[in-house]
Amino acid sequence: MLAELVTAIGALAAAGAVYASAAARVVKQYERGVVFRLGRIVGGARPPGFTMVVPFVDRLYKVNMQVVTMPVPAQEGITRDNVTVRVDAVVYFRVVEPTEALVRVEDYRFAVSQMAQTSLRSIIGKSDLDDLLSSREKLNQGLELMIDSPAIGWGVQIDRVEIKDVSLPDTMKRSMARQAEADRERRARIINADAELQASKKLAEAAQQMEATPSALQLRLLQTITAVAAEKNSTLVLPFPVELLRFLERAHEHEMPRRPEQDQSRDQQQGQERRAPSQAPREQPQITENMQVRDGGALDGALDGQQRDRQAEHPVER
């Protein structure tokens, strides 16, 4: 009898141990447990720690309550100003209602991922290229609002959405580089012109001060010579007074009215030189005795002709 009692107690202990091992569950600190009994939720979410379920009847699902970092694949779209870009982002979210996350949606991770991709493409189409490059905080807030609106019903809270990178075509990159270079050159020219304006004003003030005290100009000239001579170079500095240049300029202005008279006298002299050769008497060619004439008959005929002409002009009286 005693032996049978001991055997029964041992059997009950073994059955209790098997039941306890099958019913015992441990929920971690960053998790919450949801129990389904015959397909229905029993109670609320189980807190972290040790908990018991009915073996073969209850089923415990553990939901991670940590913040999930989900990268959004790069989405290609056309901006409002007709520029093709590729934009990728990252979403930070966490589960706040484990029961809703299991009941409302089949897979909340996949649902959040698809919603993030759709919202990102929508943001690309509604924004300009300048907004994508400069106003990212505003776009991040709009993207977070678009994803968080349906995710609230899934028991998921969107903590943050960030646009990581905006990829542009190579042609657009070159165009933007040329635009930035032109803008920097424009600003450099403006700064240079402003510096020249300020320098001219200071030089004008210095000139007025030196005009009141002429000795200051000579001192400034000596300082310049000293500064140039301090360096080891082959530069030769010759001071040239400005007053001499002004004197030469005034002398040149006085000579300007006399030039027309000088030019007129020069033209008259050249005209007289041209007429002088035309008024000189022409010299008659002379026949010398050394000239040799091959055709003697032609020479005798010419001499007889000249003699007849002379007799006709001066007839002899008989």
C-alpha atoms as a PDB file:
ATOM      1  CA  MET A   1       0.000   0.000   0.000  1.00  0.00           C
ATOM      2  CA  LEU A   2       2.760   2.398   0.916  1.00  0.00           C
ATOM      3  CA  ALA A   3       4.653   1.557  -2.200  1.00  0.00           C
ATOM      4  CA  GLU A   4       1.657   2.279  -4.365  1.00  0.00           C
ATOM      5  CA  LEU A   5       1.216   5.638  -2.634  1.00  0.00           C
ATOM      6  CA  VAL A   6       4.827   6.577  -3.238  1.00  0.00           C
ATOM      7  CA  THR A   7       4.523   5.595  -6.891  1.00  0.00           C
ATOM      8  CA  ALA A   8       1.408   7.723  -7.320  1.00  0.00           C
ATOM      9  CA  ILE A   9       3.038  10.708  -5.686  1.00  0.00           C
ATOM     10  CA  GLY A  10       6.059  10.330  -7.964  1.00  0.00           C
ATOM     11  CA  ALA A  11       3.812  10.098 -11.000  1.00  0.00           C
ATOM     12  CA  LEU A  12       1.931  13.207  -9.984  1.00  0.00           C
ATOM     13  CA  ALA A  13       5.190  15.080  -9.385  1.00  0.00           C
ATOM     14  CA  ALA A  14       6.478  14.046 -12.786  1.00  0.00           C
ATOM     15  CA  ALA A  15       3.225  15.118 -14.429  1.00  0.00           C
ATOM     16  CA  GLY A  16       3.338  18.448 -12.579  1.00  0.00           C
ATOM     17  CA  ALA A  17       6.927  18.990 -13.706  1.00  0.00           C
ATOM     18  CA  VAL A  18       6.019  18.257 -17.300  1.00  0.00           C
ATOM     19  CA  TYR A  19       3.015  20.571 -17.098  1.00  0.00           C
ATOM     20  CA  ALA A  20       5.085  23.365 -15.512  1.00  0.00           C
ATOM     21  CA  SER A  21       7.782  23.057 -18.135  1.00  0.00           C
ATOM     22  CA  ALA A  22       5.181  23.203 -20.895  1.00  0.00           C
ATOM     23  CA  ALA A  23       3.286  26.140 -19.359  1.00  0.00           C
ATOM     24  CA  ALA A  24       6.227  28.279 -18.233  1.00  0.00           C
ATOM     25  CA  ARG A  25       7.212  31.240 -20.419  1.00  0.00           C
ATOM     26  CA  VAL A  26       9.755  34.056 -19.997  1.00  0.00           C
ATOM     27  CA  VAL A  27       9.174  37.508 -21.491  1.00  0.00           C
ATOM     28  CA  LYS A  28      12.263  39.695 -21.872  1.00  0.00           C
ATOM     29  CA  GLN A  29      12.514  43.277 -20.705  1.00  0.00           C
ATOM     30  CA  TYR A  30      12.195  44.778 -24.208  1.00  0.00           C
ATOM     31  CA  GLU A  31       9.274  42.522 -25.149  1.00  0.00           C
ATOM     32  CA  ARG A  32       5.595  42.192 -24.396  1.00  0.00           C
ATOM     33  CA  GLY A  33       3.612  38.977 -24.530  1.00  0.00           C
ATOM     34  CA  VAL A  34       0.176  38.550 -26.114  1.00  0.00           C
ATOM     35  CA  VAL A  35      -1.700  35.306 -25.299  1.00  0.00           C
ATOM     36  CA  PHE A  36      -4.198  33.769 -27.735  1.00  0.00           C
ATOM     37  CA  ARG A  37      -6.468  31.126 -26.185  1.00  0.00           C
ATOM     38  CA  LEU A  38      -8.305  29.143 -28.784  1.00  0.00           C
ATOM     39  CA  GLY A  39      -7.839  32.002 -31.245  1.00  0.00           C
ATOM     40  CA  ARG A  40      -8.924  34.815 -28.941  1.00  0.00           C
ATOM     41  CA  ILE A  41      -6.832  37.291 -26.989  1.00  0.00           C
ATOM     42  CA  VAL A  42      -6.842  36.630 -23.265  1.00  0.00           C
ATOM     43  CA  GLY A  43      -6.306  39.736 -21.148  1.00  0.00           C
ATOM     44  CA  GLY A  44      -3.828  42.396 -22.071  1.00  0.00           C
ATOM     45  CA  ALA A  45      -0.176  42.274 -22.931  1.00  0.00           C
ATOM     46  CA  ARG A  46       1.909  40.225 -20.516  1.00  0.00           C
ATOM     47  CA  PRO A  47       4.647  42.238 -18.758  1.00  0.00           C
ATOM     48  CA  PRO A  48       8.293  41.163 -18.889  1.00  0.00           C
ATOM     49  CA  GLY A  49       9.299  38.336 -16.575  1.00  0.00           C
ATOM     50  CA  PHE A  50       7.989  34.825 -15.814  1.00  0.00           C
ATOM     51  CA  THR A  51       4.454  33.945 -16.935  1.00  0.00           C
ATOM     52  CA  MET A  52       2.321  30.811 -17.315  1.00  0.00           C
ATOM     53  CA  VAL A  53       0.055  29.672 -20.132  1.00  0.00           C
ATOM     54  CA  VAL A  54      -2.195  26.670 -20.577  1.00  0.00           C
ATOM     55  CA  PRO A  55      -0.283  24.082 -22.548  1.00  0.00           C
ATOM     56  CA  PHE A  56      -1.776  23.010 -25.869  1.00  0.00           C
ATOM     57  CA  VAL A  57      -4.489  25.657 -25.433  1.00  0.00           C
ATOM     58  CA  ASP A  58      -2.761  29.021 -25.146  1.00  0.00           C
ATOM     59  CA  ARG A  59      -0.209  30.437 -27.571  1.00  0.00           C
ATOM     60  CA  LEU A  60       2.092  33.262 -26.521  1.00  0.00           C
ATOM     61  CA  TYR A  61       3.349  35.817 -29.081  1.00  0.00           C
ATOM     62  CA  LYS A  62       6.222  38.098 -28.137  1.00  0.00           C
ATOM     63  CA  VAL A  63       6.334  41.590 -29.638  1.00  0.00           C
ATOM     64  CA  ASN A  64       9.586  43.579 -29.723  1.00  0.00           C
ATOM     65  CA  MET A  65       9.150  47.063 -28.267  1.00  0.00           C
ATOM     66  CA  GLN A  66      12.566  48.413 -29.328  1.00  0.00           C
ATOM     67  CA  VAL A  67      13.041  51.156 -31.872  1.00  0.00           C
ATOM     68  CA  VAL A  68      13.419  49.634 -35.333  1.00  0.00           C
ATOM     69  CA  THR A  69      15.746  51.240 -37.889  1.00  0.00           C
ATOM     70  CA  MET A  70      14.441  50.500 -41.376  1.00  0.00           C
ATOM     71  CA  PRO A  71      16.207  51.739 -44.514  1.00  0.00           C
ATOM     72  CA  VAL A  72      13.929  52.814 -47.322  1.00  0.00           C
ATOM     73  CA  PRO A  73      15.140  51.641 -50.757  1.00  0.00           C
ATOM     74  CA  ALA A  74      16.143  54.384 -53.192  1.00  0.00           C
ATOM     75  CA  GLN A  75      13.142  55.707 -55.090  1.00  0.00           C
ATOM     76  CA  GLU A  76      13.468  57.330 -58.511  1.00  0.00           C
ATOM     77  CA  GLY A  77      11.075  60.080 -59.434  1.00  0.00           C
ATOM     78  CA  ILE A  78      10.600  63.382 -61.235  1.00  0.00           C
ATOM     79  CA  THR A  79      10.460  66.560 -59.199  1.00  0.00           C
ATOM     80  CA  ARG A  80       7.990  69.375 -59.737  1.00  0.00           C
ATOM     81  CA  ASP A  81      10.550  71.237 -61.895  1.00  0.00           C
ATOM     82  CA  ASN A  82      11.050  68.154 -64.140  1.00  0.00           C
ATOM     83  CA  VAL A  83      14.365  66.837 -62.793  1.00  0.00           C
ATOM     84  CA  THR A  84      14.939  63.089 -62.432  1.00  0.00           C
ATOM     85  CA  VAL A  85      16.391  62.179 -59.013  1.00  0.00           C
ATOM     86  CA  ARG A  86      16.953  59.138 -56.826  1.00  0.00           C
ATOM     87  CA  VAL A  87      16.227  59.572 -53.128  1.00  0.00           C
ATOM     88  CA  ASP A  88      16.697  57.115 -50.282  1.00  0.00           C
ATOM     89  CA  ALA A  89      15.709  57.535 -46.641  1.00  0.00           C
ATOM     90  CA  VAL A  90      15.618  55.807 -43.263  1.00  0.00           C
ATOM     91  CA  VAL A  91      12.663  55.356 -40.875  1.00  0.00           C
ATOM     92  CA  TYR A  92      12.817  54.996 -37.087  1.00  0.00           C
ATOM     93  CA  PHE A  93       9.684  53.486 -35.522  1.00  0.00           C
ATOM     94  CA  ARG A  94       8.573  51.354 -32.580  1.00  0.00           C
ATOM     95  CA  VAL A  95       5.523  49.417 -31.432  1.00  0.00           C
ATOM     96  CA  VAL A  96       3.443  51.113 -28.739  1.00  0.00           C
ATOM     97  CA  GLU A  97       0.427  48.766 -28.783  1.00  0.00           C
ATOM     98  CA  PRO A  98       1.512  45.123 -29.142  1.00  0.00           C
ATOM     99  CA  THR A  99      -2.064  43.868 -29.375  1.00  0.00           C
ATOM    100  CA  GLU A 100      -2.931  46.254 -32.217  1.00  0.00           C
ATOM    101  CA  ALA A 101       0.321  45.422 -34.027  1.00  0.00           C
ATOM    102  CA  LEU A 102      -0.665  41.725 -34.066  1.00  0.00           C
ATOM    103  CA  VAL A 103      -4.369  42.102 -34.803  1.00  0.00           C
ATOM    104  CA  ARG A 104      -4.653  45.141 -37.107  1.00  0.00           C
ATOM    105  CA  VAL A 105      -1.942  44.300 -39.622  1.00  0.00           C
ATOM    106  CA  GLU A 106      -0.426  41.059 -40.843  1.00  0.00           C
ATOM    107  CA  ASP A 107       3.208  42.235 -40.841  1.00  0.00           C
ATOM    108  CA  TYR A 108       3.717  45.707 -39.460  1.00  0.00           C
ATOM    109  CA  ARG A 109       7.364  45.878 -40.596  1.00  0.00           C
ATOM    110  CA  PHE A 110       6.470  45.214 -44.234  1.00  0.00           C
ATOM    111  CA  ALA A 111       3.507  47.590 -43.999  1.00  0.00           C
ATOM    112  CA  VAL A 112       5.673  50.423 -42.674  1.00  0.00           C
ATOM    113  CA  SER A 113       8.272  49.771 -45.368  1.00  0.00           C
ATOM    114  CA  GLN A 114       5.741  49.961 -48.213  1.00  0.00           C
ATOM    115  CA  MET A 115       4.110  53.058 -46.762  1.00  0.00           C
ATOM    116  CA  ALA A 116       7.534  54.750 -46.470  1.00  0.00           C
ATOM    117  CA  GLN A 117       8.387  54.035 -50.124  1.00  0.00           C
ATOM    118  CA  THR A 118       5.025  55.337 -51.335  1.00  0.00           C
ATOM    119  CA  SER A 119       5.274  58.491 -49.236  1.00  0.00           C
ATOM    120  CA  LEU A 120       8.832  59.121 -50.409  1.00  0.00           C
ATOM    121  CA  ARG A 121       7.796  58.983 -54.074  1.00  0.00           C
ATOM    122  CA  SER A 122       4.928  61.336 -53.313  1.00  0.00           C
ATOM    123  CA  ILE A 123       7.260  63.808 -51.600  1.00  0.00           C
ATOM    124  CA  ILE A 124       9.623  63.739 -54.609  1.00  0.00           C
ATOM    125  CA  GLY A 125       6.808  64.604 -57.012  1.00  0.00           C
ATOM    126  CA  LYS A 126       5.542  67.486 -54.862  1.00  0.00           C
ATOM    127  CA  SER A 127       8.932  69.136 -54.215  1.00  0.00           C
ATOM    128  CA  ASP A 128      11.414  71.133 -56.252  1.00  0.00           C
ATOM    129  CA  LEU A 129      15.036  70.185 -56.622  1.00  0.00           C
ATOM    130  CA  ASP A 130      16.139  73.120 -54.470  1.00  0.00           C
ATOM    131  CA  ASP A 131      13.827  71.951 -51.684  1.00  0.00           C
ATOM    132  CA  LEU A 132      15.284  68.439 -51.800  1.00  0.00           C
ATOM    133  CA  LEU A 133      18.789  69.833 -51.495  1.00  0.00           C
ATOM    134  CA  SER A 134      18.279  72.647 -48.989  1.00  0.00           C
ATOM    135  CA  SER A 135      14.957  72.225 -47.119  1.00  0.00           C
ATOM    136  CA  ARG A 136      15.358  68.658 -45.893  1.00  0.00           C
ATOM    137  CA  GLU A 137      14.022  69.333 -42.406  1.00  0.00           C
ATOM    138  CA  LYS A 138      10.712  70.471 -43.827  1.00  0.00           C
ATOM    139  CA  LEU A 139      10.528  67.446 -46.136  1.00  0.00           C
ATOM    140  CA  ASN A 140      11.411  65.106 -43.266  1.00  0.00           C
ATOM    141  CA  GLN A 141       8.535  66.446 -41.216  1.00  0.00           C
ATOM    142  CA  GLY A 142       6.102  66.070 -44.109  1.00  0.00           C
ATOM    143  CA  LEU A 143       7.307  62.531 -44.803  1.00  0.00           C
ATOM    144  CA  GLU A 144       6.993  61.596 -41.136  1.00  0.00           C
ATOM    145  CA  LEU A 145       3.425  62.904 -41.035  1.00  0.00           C
ATOM    146  CA  MET A 146       2.458  60.951 -44.157  1.00  0.00           C
ATOM    147  CA  ILE A 147       3.813  57.670 -42.737  1.00  0.00           C
ATOM    148  CA  ASP A 148       2.591  58.199 -39.185  1.00  0.00           C
ATOM    149  CA  SER A 149      -1.052  58.809 -40.140  1.00  0.00           C
ATOM    150  CA  PRO A 150      -1.897  55.185 -41.097  1.00  0.00           C
ATOM    151  CA  ALA A 151       0.685  53.665 -38.743  1.00  0.00           C
ATOM    152  CA  ILE A 152      -1.155  54.913 -35.653  1.00  0.00           C
ATOM    153  CA  GLY A 153      -3.961  52.432 -36.299  1.00  0.00           C
ATOM    154  CA  TRP A 154      -1.422  49.606 -36.467  1.00  0.00           C
ATOM    155  CA  GLY A 155      -0.101  50.294 -32.968  1.00  0.00           C
ATOM    156  CA  VAL A 156       3.142  51.674 -34.442  1.00  0.00           C
ATOM    157  CA  GLN A 157       4.627  55.083 -33.733  1.00  0.00           C
ATOM    158  CA  ILE A 158       6.985  56.783 -36.216  1.00  0.00           C
ATOM    159  CA  ASP A 159       9.763  58.474 -34.259  1.00  0.00           C
ATOM    160  CA  ARG A 160      11.782  60.004 -37.065  1.00  0.00           C
ATOM    161  CA  VAL A 161      12.230  59.964 -40.847  1.00  0.00           C
ATOM    162  CA  GLU A 162      15.425  61.175 -42.514  1.00  0.00           C
ATOM    163  CA  ILE A 163      16.294  61.621 -46.191  1.00  0.00           C
ATOM    164  CA  LYS A 164      19.789  60.199 -46.555  1.00  0.00           C
ATOM    165  CA  ASP A 165      20.922  60.988 -50.074  1.00  0.00           C
ATOM    166  CA  VAL A 166      19.720  62.686 -53.258  1.00  0.00           C
ATOM    167  CA  SER A 167      21.359  61.334 -56.417  1.00  0.00           C
ATOM    168  CA  LEU A 168      21.386  63.616 -59.466  1.00  0.00           C
ATOM    169  CA  PRO A 169      22.281  62.899 -63.122  1.00  0.00           C
ATOM    170  CA  ASP A 170      25.810  63.772 -64.214  1.00  0.00           C
ATOM    171  CA  THR A 171      24.589  66.491 -66.574  1.00  0.00           C
ATOM    172  CA  MET A 172      22.682  68.159 -63.748  1.00  0.00           C
ATOM    173  CA  LYS A 173      25.743  67.979 -61.503  1.00  0.00           C
ATOM    174  CA  ARG A 174      27.874  69.708 -64.133  1.00  0.00           C
ATOM    175  CA  SER A 175      25.218  72.378 -64.654  1.00  0.00           C
ATOM    176  CA  MET A 176      24.987  73.043 -60.926  1.00  0.00           C
ATOM    177  CA  ALA A 177      28.785  73.198 -60.688  1.00  0.00           C
ATOM    178  CA  ARG A 178      28.918  75.807 -63.466  1.00  0.00           C
ATOM    179  CA  GLN A 179      26.151  77.784 -61.801  1.00  0.00           C
ATOM    180  CA  ALA A 180      27.943  77.721 -58.445  1.00  0.00           C
ATOM    181  CA  GLU A 181      31.213  78.744 -60.093  1.00  0.00           C
ATOM    182  CA  ALA A 182      29.529  81.649 -61.872  1.00  0.00           C
ATOM    183  CA  ASP A 183      27.891  82.732 -58.619  1.00  0.00           C
ATOM    184  CA  ARG A 184      31.210  82.647 -56.755  1.00  0.00           C
ATOM    185  CA  GLU A 185      32.887  84.609 -59.544  1.00  0.00           C
ATOM    186  CA  ARG A 186      30.100  87.201 -59.441  1.00  0.00           C
ATOM    187  CA  ARG A 187      30.486  87.611 -55.686  1.00  0.00           C
ATOM    188  CA  ALA A 188      34.257  87.867 -56.042  1.00  0.00           C
ATOM    189  CA  ARG A 189      33.890  90.633 -58.610  1.00  0.00           C
ATOM    190  CA  ILE A 190      31.430  92.497 -56.407  1.00  0.00           C
ATOM    191  CA  ILE A 191      33.778  92.256 -53.429  1.00  0.00           C
ATOM    192  CA  ASN A 192      36.690  93.398 -55.570  1.00  0.00           C
ATOM    193  CA  ALA A 193      34.702  96.358 -56.912  1.00  0.00           C
ATOM    194  CA  ASP A 194      33.638  97.301 -53.389  1.00  0.00           C
ATOM    195  CA  ALA A 195      37.247  97.161 -52.259  1.00  0.00           C
ATOM    196  CA  GLU A 196      38.292  99.381 -55.174  1.00  0.00           C
ATOM    197  CA  LEU A 197      35.558 101.860 -54.266  1.00  0.00           C
ATOM    198  CA  GLN A 198      36.657 102.020 -50.647  1.00  0.00           C
ATOM    199  CA  ALA A 199      40.296 102.325 -51.679  1.00  0.00           C
ATOM    200  CA  SER A 200      39.485 105.160 -54.089  1.00  0.00           C
ATOM    201  CA  LYS A 201      37.654 107.032 -51.333  1.00  0.00           C
ATOM    202  CA  LYS A 202      40.595 106.658 -48.978  1.00  0.00           C
ATOM    203  CA  LEU A 203      43.010 107.727 -51.705  1.00  0.00           C
ATOM    204  CA  ALA A 204      40.878 110.790 -52.420  1.00  0.00           C
ATOM    205  CA  GLU A 205      40.986 111.733 -48.745  1.00  0.00           C
ATOM    206  CA  ALA A 206      44.739 111.181 -48.693  1.00  0.00           C
ATOM    207  CA  ALA A 207      45.152 113.344 -51.807  1.00  0.00           C
ATOM    208  CA  GLN A 208      43.210 116.168 -50.195  1.00  0.00           C
ATOM    209  CA  GLN A 209      45.363 115.901 -47.090  1.00  0.00           C
ATOM    210  CA  MET A 210      48.570 115.906 -49.148  1.00  0.00           C
ATOM    211  CA  GLU A 211      47.345 118.863 -51.187  1.00  0.00           C
ATOM    212  CA  ALA A 212      47.050 120.875 -47.998  1.00  0.00           C
ATOM    213  CA  THR A 213      50.603 119.872 -46.974  1.00  0.00           C
ATOM    214  CA  PRO A 214      52.836 119.339 -50.046  1.00  0.00           C
ATOM    215  CA  SER A 215      55.695 118.067 -47.901  1.00  0.00           C
ATOM    216  CA  ALA A 216      53.599 114.985 -47.050  1.00  0.00           C
ATOM    217  CA  LEU A 217      53.742 113.912 -50.707  1.00  0.00           C
ATOM    218  CA  GLN A 218      57.525 114.046 -50.655  1.00  0.00           C
ATOM    219  CA  LEU A 219      57.617 112.033 -47.416  1.00  0.00           C
ATOM    220  CA  ARG A 220      55.284 109.464 -48.915  1.00  0.00           C
ATOM    221  CA  LEU A 221      57.538 109.210 -51.960  1.00  0.00           C
ATOM    222  CA  LEU A 222      60.553 108.610 -49.751  1.00  0.00           C
ATOM    223  CA  GLN A 223      58.658 105.904 -47.833  1.00  0.00           C
ATOM    224  CA  THR A 224      57.811 104.159 -51.096  1.00  0.00           C
ATOM    225  CA  ILE A 225      61.450 104.264 -52.204  1.00  0.00           C
ATOM    226  CA  THR A 226      62.519 102.855 -48.841  1.00  0.00           C
ATOM    227  CA  ALA A 227      60.000 100.015 -49.089  1.00  0.00           C
ATOM    228  CA  VAL A 228      61.152  99.087 -52.599  1.00  0.00           C
ATOM    229  CA  ALA A 229      64.825  99.320 -51.732  1.00  0.00           C
ATOM    230  CA  ALA A 230      64.383  97.054 -48.696  1.00  0.00           C
ATOM    231  CA  GLU A 231      63.846  94.047 -50.960  1.00  0.00           C
ATOM    232  CA  LYS A 232      66.733  92.392 -52.764  1.00  0.00           C
ATOM    233  CA  ASN A 233      65.774  93.028 -56.358  1.00  0.00           C
ATOM    234  CA  SER A 234      67.015  94.832 -59.441  1.00  0.00           C
ATOM    235  CA  THR A 235      64.249  97.429 -59.528  1.00  0.00           C
ATOM    236  CA  LEU A 236      65.341 100.977 -60.304  1.00  0.00           C
ATOM    237  CA  VAL A 237      63.077 103.696 -58.909  1.00  0.00           C
ATOM    238  CA  LEU A 238      63.243 107.164 -60.427  1.00  0.00           C
ATOM    239  CA  PRO A 239      61.079 109.741 -58.677  1.00  0.00           C
ATOM    240  CA  PHE A 240      59.339 111.942 -61.206  1.00  0.00           C
ATOM    241  CA  PRO A 241      57.492 115.014 -59.911  1.00  0.00           C
ATOM    242  CA  VAL A 242      53.896 115.306 -60.937  1.00  0.00           C
ATOM    243  CA  GLU A 243      54.214 119.108 -61.247  1.00  0.00           C
ATOM    244  CA  LEU A 244      56.521 118.627 -64.229  1.00  0.00           C
ATOM    245  CA  LEU A 245      53.917 116.585 -66.020  1.00  0.00           C
ATOM    246  CA  ARG A 246      51.334 119.271 -65.385  1.00  0.00           C
ATOM    247  CA  PHE A 247      53.742 121.935 -66.750  1.00  0.00           C
ATOM    248  CA  LEU A 248      54.293 119.910 -69.935  1.00  0.00           C
ATOM    249  CA  GLU A 249      50.570 119.434 -70.305  1.00  0.00           C
ATOM    250  CA  ARG A 250      49.928 123.204 -70.070  1.00  0.00           C
ATOM    251  CA  ALA A 251      52.711 123.904 -72.581  1.00  0.00           C
ATOM    252  CA  HIS A 252      51.188 121.411 -74.976  1.00  0.00           C
ATOM    253  CA  GLU A 253      47.801 123.117 -74.659  1.00  0.00           C
ATOM    254  CA  HIS A 254      49.385 126.544 -75.535  1.00  0.00           C
ATOM    255  CA  GLU A 255      51.030 125.122 -78.660  1.00  0.00           C
ATOM    256  CA  MET A 256      47.848 123.593 -80.005  1.00  0.00           C
ATOM    257  CA  PRO A 257      46.394 126.883 -81.606  1.00  0.00           C
ATOM    258  CA  ARG A 258      49.676 127.654 -83.461  1.00  0.00           C
ATOM    259  CA  ARG A 259      49.820 124.405 -85.317  1.00  0.00           C
ATOM    260  CA  PRO A 260      47.396 125.319 -88.142  1.00  0.00           C
ATOM    261  CA  GLU A 261      49.535 128.384 -89.084  1.00  0.00           C
ATOM    262  CA  GLN A 262      52.691 126.288 -89.134  1.00  0.00           C
ATOM    263  CA  ASP A 263      50.993 123.675 -91.275  1.00  0.00           C
ATOM    264  CA  GLN A 264      49.783 126.367 -93.738  1.00  0.00           C
ATOM    265  CA  SER A 265      53.279 127.905 -94.117  1.00  0.00           C
ATOM    266  CA  ARG A 266      54.724 124.423 -94.616  1.00  0.00           C
ATOM    267  CA  ASP A 267      52.186 123.696 -97.402  1.00  0.00           C
ATOM    268  CA  GLN A 268      53.010 127.010 -99.173  1.00  0.00           C
ATOM    269  CA  GLN A 269      56.722 126.232 -99.094  1.00  0.00           C
ATOM    270  CA  GLN A 270      56.165 122.771-100.537  1.00  0.00           C
ATOM    271  CA  GLY A 271      53.980 124.259-103.329  1.00  0.00           C
ATOM    272  CA  GLN A 272      56.731 126.727-104.336  1.00  0.00           C
ATOM    273  CA  GLU A 273      59.256 123.906-104.466  1.00  0.00           C
ATOM    274  CA  ARG A 274      56.980 121.956-106.819  1.00  0.00           C
ATOM    275  CA  ARG A 275      56.524 124.946-109.222  1.00  0.00           C
ATOM    276  CA  ALA A 276      60.232 125.886-109.411  1.00  0.00           C
ATOM    277  CA  PRO A 277      61.348 123.044-111.739  1.00  0.00           C
ATOM    278  CA  SER A 278      58.538 123.779-114.256  1.00  0.00           C
ATOM    279  CA  GLN A 279      59.550 127.477-114.733  1.00  0.00           C
ATOM    280  CA  ALA A 280      63.249 126.783-115.462  1.00  0.00           C
ATOM    281  CA  PRO A 281      64.273 127.267-119.257  1.00  0.00           C
ATOM    282  CA  ARG A 282      64.682 124.150-121.217  1.00  0.00           C
ATOM    283  CA  GLU A 283      68.198 123.519-122.563  1.00  0.00           C
ATOM    284  CA  GLN A 284      68.597 122.888-126.326  1.00  0.00           C
ATOM    285  CA  PRO A 285      70.475 119.788-127.235  1.00  0.00           C
ATOM    286  CA  GLN A 286      73.867 120.532-128.797  1.00  0.00           C
ATOM    287  CA  ILE A 287      75.523 118.519-131.459  1.00  0.00           C
ATOM    288  CA  THR A 288      79.157 117.865-130.705  1.00  0.00           C
ATOM    289  CA  GLU A 289      81.884 117.187-133.138  1.00  0.00           C
ATOM    290  CA  ASN A 290      82.595 113.840-131.574  1.00  0.00           C
ATOM    291  CA  MET A 291      79.174 112.433-132.542  1.00  0.00           C
ATOM    292  CA  GLN A 292      79.623 109.815-135.233  1.00  0.00           C
ATOM    293  CA  VAL A 293      76.914 109.540-137.868  1.00  0.00           C
ATOM    294  CA  ARG A 294      76.792 106.467-139.945  1.00  0.00           C
ATOM    295  CA  ASP A 295      74.291 107.722-142.541  1.00  0.00           C
ATOM    296  CA  GLY A 296      76.118 110.704-144.170  1.00  0.00           C
ATOM    297  CA  GLY A 297      73.404 111.396-146.746  1.00  0.00           C
ATOM    298  CA  ALA A 298      70.766 111.872-144.061  1.00  0.00           C
ATOM    299  CA  LEU A 299      72.977 114.391-142.231  1.00  0.00           C
ATOM    300  CA  ASP A 300      73.712 116.399-145.418  1.00  0.00           C
ATOM    301  CA  GLY A 301      69.987 116.495-146.259  1.00  0.00           C
ATOM    302  CA  ALA A 302      69.176 117.835-142.832  1.00  0.00           C
ATOM    303  CA  LEU A 303      71.835 120.574-143.087  1.00  0.00           C
ATOM    304  CA  ASP A 304      70.606 121.657-146.582  1.00  0.00           C
ATOM    305  CA  GLY A 305      67.044 121.877-145.250  1.00  0.00           C
ATOM    306  CA  GLN A 306      68.131 124.138-142.381  1.00  0.00           C
ATOM    307  CA  GLN A 307      70.063 126.408-144.829  1.00  0.00           C
ATOM    308  CA  ARG A 308      67.030 126.822-147.118  1.00  0.00           C
ATOM    309  CA  ASP A 309      64.880 127.795-144.137  1.00  0.00           C
ATOM    310  CA  ARG A 310      67.304 130.497-143.099  1.00  0.00           C
ATOM    311  CA  GLN A 311      67.457 131.946-146.681  1.00  0.00           C
ATOM    312  CA  ALA A 312      63.669 132.035-146.788  1.00  0.00           C
ATOM    313  CA  GLU A 313      63.559 133.979-143.520  1.00  0.00           C
ATOM    314  CA  HIS A 314      66.311 136.462-144.567  1.00  0.00           C
ATOM    315  CA  PRO A 315      66.326 136.866-148.428  1.00  0.00           C
ATOM    316  CA  VAL A 316      69.422 138.483-149.961  1.00  0.00           C
ATOM    317  CA  GLU A 317      68.867 141.555-152.141  1.00  0.00           C
ATOM    318  CA  ARG A 318      70.560 141.548-155.458  1.00  0.00           C
END
